[in-house]
């Protein structure tokens, strides 16, 4: 299953790695989920869950940028929350202007 639904929230669970090796696969998984639920997402909240991530590199930042870009193409009102963000990814995001998009629920 690409994602799951809880209380009108759509959950996108990121795999164990978010690296050069897996970035294409993870972005494809996110794109499939957004296409599948595209019009319904306007009235929902998307939760991107990093709980399973054990390894991340700088492409984790690219992942967030692509998620944000895809979401903005669907709806400006769609709420996105990033949960269980790994410390290394949070540190990378603090080096960019994207630090504010991650949830405080690390």
C-alpha atoms as a PDB file:
ATOM      1  CA  UNK A   1       0.000   0.000   0.000  1.00  0.00           C
ATOM      2  CA  UNK A   2       1.377   3.374  -0.973  1.00  0.00           C
ATOM      3  CA  UNK A   3      -0.416   5.277   1.758  1.00  0.00           C
ATOM      4  CA  UNK A   4      -3.071   4.857   4.391  1.00  0.00           C
ATOM      5  CA  UNK A   5      -5.939   7.002   5.626  1.00  0.00           C
ATOM      6  CA  UNK A   6      -6.650   8.056   9.189  1.00  0.00           C
ATOM      7  CA  UNK A   7      -9.355  10.586  10.125  1.00  0.00           C
ATOM      8  CA  UNK A   8      -9.400  12.375   6.768  1.00  0.00           C
ATOM      9  CA  UNK A   9      -5.599  12.468   6.770  1.00  0.00           C
ATOM     10  CA  UNK A  10      -3.732  10.704   4.030  1.00  0.00           C
ATOM     11  CA  UNK A  11      -0.499   9.139   5.297  1.00  0.00           C
ATOM     12  CA  UNK A  12       2.537   8.811   3.030  1.00  0.00           C
ATOM     13  CA  UNK A  13       5.126   6.590   4.681  1.00  0.00           C
ATOM     14  CA  UNK A  14       8.686   7.040   3.449  1.00  0.00           C
ATOM     15  CA  UNK A  15      10.824   3.892   3.132  1.00  0.00           C
ATOM     16  CA  UNK A  16      13.936   2.977   5.124  1.00  0.00           C
ATOM     17  CA  UNK A  17      16.300   5.028   2.961  1.00  0.00           C
ATOM     18  CA  UNK A  18      16.013   8.443   1.407  1.00  0.00           C
ATOM     19  CA  UNK A  19      19.248   8.509  -0.566  1.00  0.00           C
ATOM     20  CA  UNK A  20      20.637   8.595  -4.087  1.00  0.00           C
ATOM     21  CA  UNK A  21      19.799   4.897  -4.362  1.00  0.00           C
ATOM     22  CA  UNK A  22      16.116   5.268  -3.436  1.00  0.00           C
ATOM     23  CA  UNK A  23      15.084   8.844  -4.285  1.00  0.00           C
ATOM     24  CA  UNK A  24      13.505   7.985  -7.644  1.00  0.00           C
ATOM     25  CA  UNK A  25      11.472   5.156  -6.112  1.00  0.00           C
ATOM     26  CA  UNK A  26      10.315   7.293  -3.169  1.00  0.00           C
ATOM     27  CA  UNK A  27       9.314  10.209  -5.405  1.00  0.00           C
ATOM     28  CA  UNK A  28       7.436   7.818  -7.689  1.00  0.00           C
ATOM     29  CA  UNK A  29       5.558   6.426  -4.672  1.00  0.00           C
ATOM     30  CA  UNK A  30       4.615   9.955  -3.580  1.00  0.00           C
ATOM     31  CA  UNK A  31       3.551  10.931  -7.107  1.00  0.00           C
ATOM     32  CA  UNK A  32       1.314   7.836  -7.380  1.00  0.00           C
ATOM     33  CA  UNK A  33      -0.367   8.676  -4.085  1.00  0.00           C
ATOM     34  CA  UNK A  34      -0.949  12.287  -5.081  1.00  0.00           C
ATOM     35  CA  UNK A  35      -2.367  11.265  -8.453  1.00  0.00           C
ATOM     36  CA  UNK A  36      -4.619   8.638  -6.890  1.00  0.00           C
ATOM     37  CA  UNK A  37      -6.110  11.015  -4.335  1.00  0.00           C
ATOM     38  CA  UNK A  38      -5.471  14.331  -6.131  1.00  0.00           C
ATOM     39  CA  UNK A  39      -8.924  15.894  -6.172  1.00  0.00           C
ATOM     40  CA  UNK A  40      -9.841  14.432  -2.780  1.00  0.00           C
ATOM     41  CA  UNK A  41      -6.733  15.909  -1.139  1.00  0.00           C
ATOM     42  CA  UNK A  42      -8.212  19.388  -1.195  1.00  0.00           C
ATOM     43  CA  UNK A  43     -10.428  18.487   1.759  1.00  0.00           C
ATOM     44  CA  UNK A  44      -7.796  16.419   3.546  1.00  0.00           C
ATOM     45  CA  UNK A  45      -4.467  16.710   5.219  1.00  0.00           C
ATOM     46  CA  UNK A  46      -1.371  14.924   3.904  1.00  0.00           C
ATOM     47  CA  UNK A  47       0.960  13.506   6.531  1.00  0.00           C
ATOM     48  CA  UNK A  48       4.435  12.513   5.334  1.00  0.00           C
ATOM     49  CA  UNK A  49       5.753  10.030   7.887  1.00  0.00           C
ATOM     50  CA  UNK A  50       9.522   9.432   8.097  1.00  0.00           C
ATOM     51  CA  UNK A  51       9.218   6.885  10.927  1.00  0.00           C
ATOM     52  CA  UNK A  52      10.783   4.032   8.941  1.00  0.00           C
ATOM     53  CA  UNK A  53      13.715   6.094   7.606  1.00  0.00           C
ATOM     54  CA  UNK A  54      17.045   4.832   8.874  1.00  0.00           C
ATOM     55  CA  UNK A  55      19.349   6.472   6.329  1.00  0.00           C
ATOM     56  CA  UNK A  56      19.080   9.855   4.644  1.00  0.00           C
ATOM     57  CA  UNK A  57      21.425  12.055   2.620  1.00  0.00           C
ATOM     58  CA  UNK A  58      21.121  15.460   0.962  1.00  0.00           C
ATOM     59  CA  UNK A  59      18.561  14.092  -1.482  1.00  0.00           C
ATOM     60  CA  UNK A  60      16.132  14.087   1.436  1.00  0.00           C
ATOM     61  CA  UNK A  61      15.960  17.859   0.917  1.00  0.00           C
ATOM     62  CA  UNK A  62      15.142  17.274  -2.762  1.00  0.00           C
ATOM     63  CA  UNK A  63      12.360  14.913  -1.659  1.00  0.00           C
ATOM     64  CA  UNK A  64      10.761  17.641   0.488  1.00  0.00           C
ATOM     65  CA  UNK A  65      11.101  20.209  -2.319  1.00  0.00           C
ATOM     66  CA  UNK A  66       9.411  17.852  -4.786  1.00  0.00           C
ATOM     67  CA  UNK A  67       6.595  17.044  -2.346  1.00  0.00           C
ATOM     68  CA  UNK A  68       6.010  20.761  -1.748  1.00  0.00           C
ATOM     69  CA  UNK A  69       6.070  21.473  -5.498  1.00  0.00           C
ATOM     70  CA  UNK A  70       3.621  18.658  -6.254  1.00  0.00           C
ATOM     71  CA  UNK A  71       1.281  19.784  -3.495  1.00  0.00           C
ATOM     72  CA  UNK A  72       1.281  23.383  -4.718  1.00  0.00           C
ATOM     73  CA  UNK A  73       0.161  22.127  -8.132  1.00  0.00           C
ATOM     74  CA  UNK A  74      -2.833  20.387  -6.545  1.00  0.00           C
ATOM     75  CA  UNK A  75      -4.034  22.964  -4.043  1.00  0.00           C
ATOM     76  CA  UNK A  76      -2.776  25.947  -2.120  1.00  0.00           C
ATOM     77  CA  UNK A  77      -5.108  24.976   0.736  1.00  0.00           C
ATOM     78  CA  UNK A  78      -3.831  21.431   1.242  1.00  0.00           C
ATOM     79  CA  UNK A  79      -2.182  21.075   4.626  1.00  0.00           C
ATOM     80  CA  UNK A  80       0.998  18.982   4.699  1.00  0.00           C
ATOM     81  CA  UNK A  81       2.627  17.796   7.891  1.00  0.00           C
ATOM     82  CA  UNK A  82       6.001  16.071   8.136  1.00  0.00           C
ATOM     83  CA  UNK A  83       6.303  13.788  11.155  1.00  0.00           C
ATOM     84  CA  UNK A  84       9.117  11.722  12.649  1.00  0.00           C
ATOM     85  CA  UNK A  85      11.664  13.699  10.629  1.00  0.00           C
ATOM     86  CA  UNK A  86      15.131  12.180  11.200  1.00  0.00           C
ATOM     87  CA  UNK A  87      17.600  14.458  12.979  1.00  0.00           C
ATOM     88  CA  UNK A  88      20.026  14.428  10.024  1.00  0.00           C
ATOM     89  CA  UNK A  89      17.281  15.553   7.619  1.00  0.00           C
ATOM     90  CA  UNK A  90      16.098  18.219  10.048  1.00  0.00           C
ATOM     91  CA  UNK A  91      19.689  19.503  10.279  1.00  0.00           C
ATOM     92  CA  UNK A  92      19.965  19.644   6.475  1.00  0.00           C
ATOM     93  CA  UNK A  93      16.657  21.483   6.238  1.00  0.00           C
ATOM     94  CA  UNK A  94      17.824  24.039   8.816  1.00  0.00           C
ATOM     95  CA  UNK A  95      20.618  24.920   6.368  1.00  0.00           C
ATOM     96  CA  UNK A  96      17.996  25.839   3.768  1.00  0.00           C
ATOM     97  CA  UNK A  97      14.865  27.939   3.672  1.00  0.00           C
ATOM     98  CA  UNK A  98      12.808  24.748   4.111  1.00  0.00           C
ATOM     99  CA  UNK A  99      13.255  24.406   7.863  1.00  0.00           C
ATOM    100  CA  UNK A 100       9.820  25.942   8.490  1.00  0.00           C
ATOM    101  CA  UNK A 101       7.984  23.247   6.502  1.00  0.00           C
ATOM    102  CA  UNK A 102       8.919  20.382   8.782  1.00  0.00           C
ATOM    103  CA  UNK A 103       6.747  19.546  11.722  1.00  0.00           C
ATOM    104  CA  UNK A 104       8.007  20.091  15.234  1.00  0.00           C
ATOM    105  CA  UNK A 105       7.002  16.455  15.832  1.00  0.00           C
ATOM    106  CA  UNK A 106      10.446  14.947  15.053  1.00  0.00           C
END
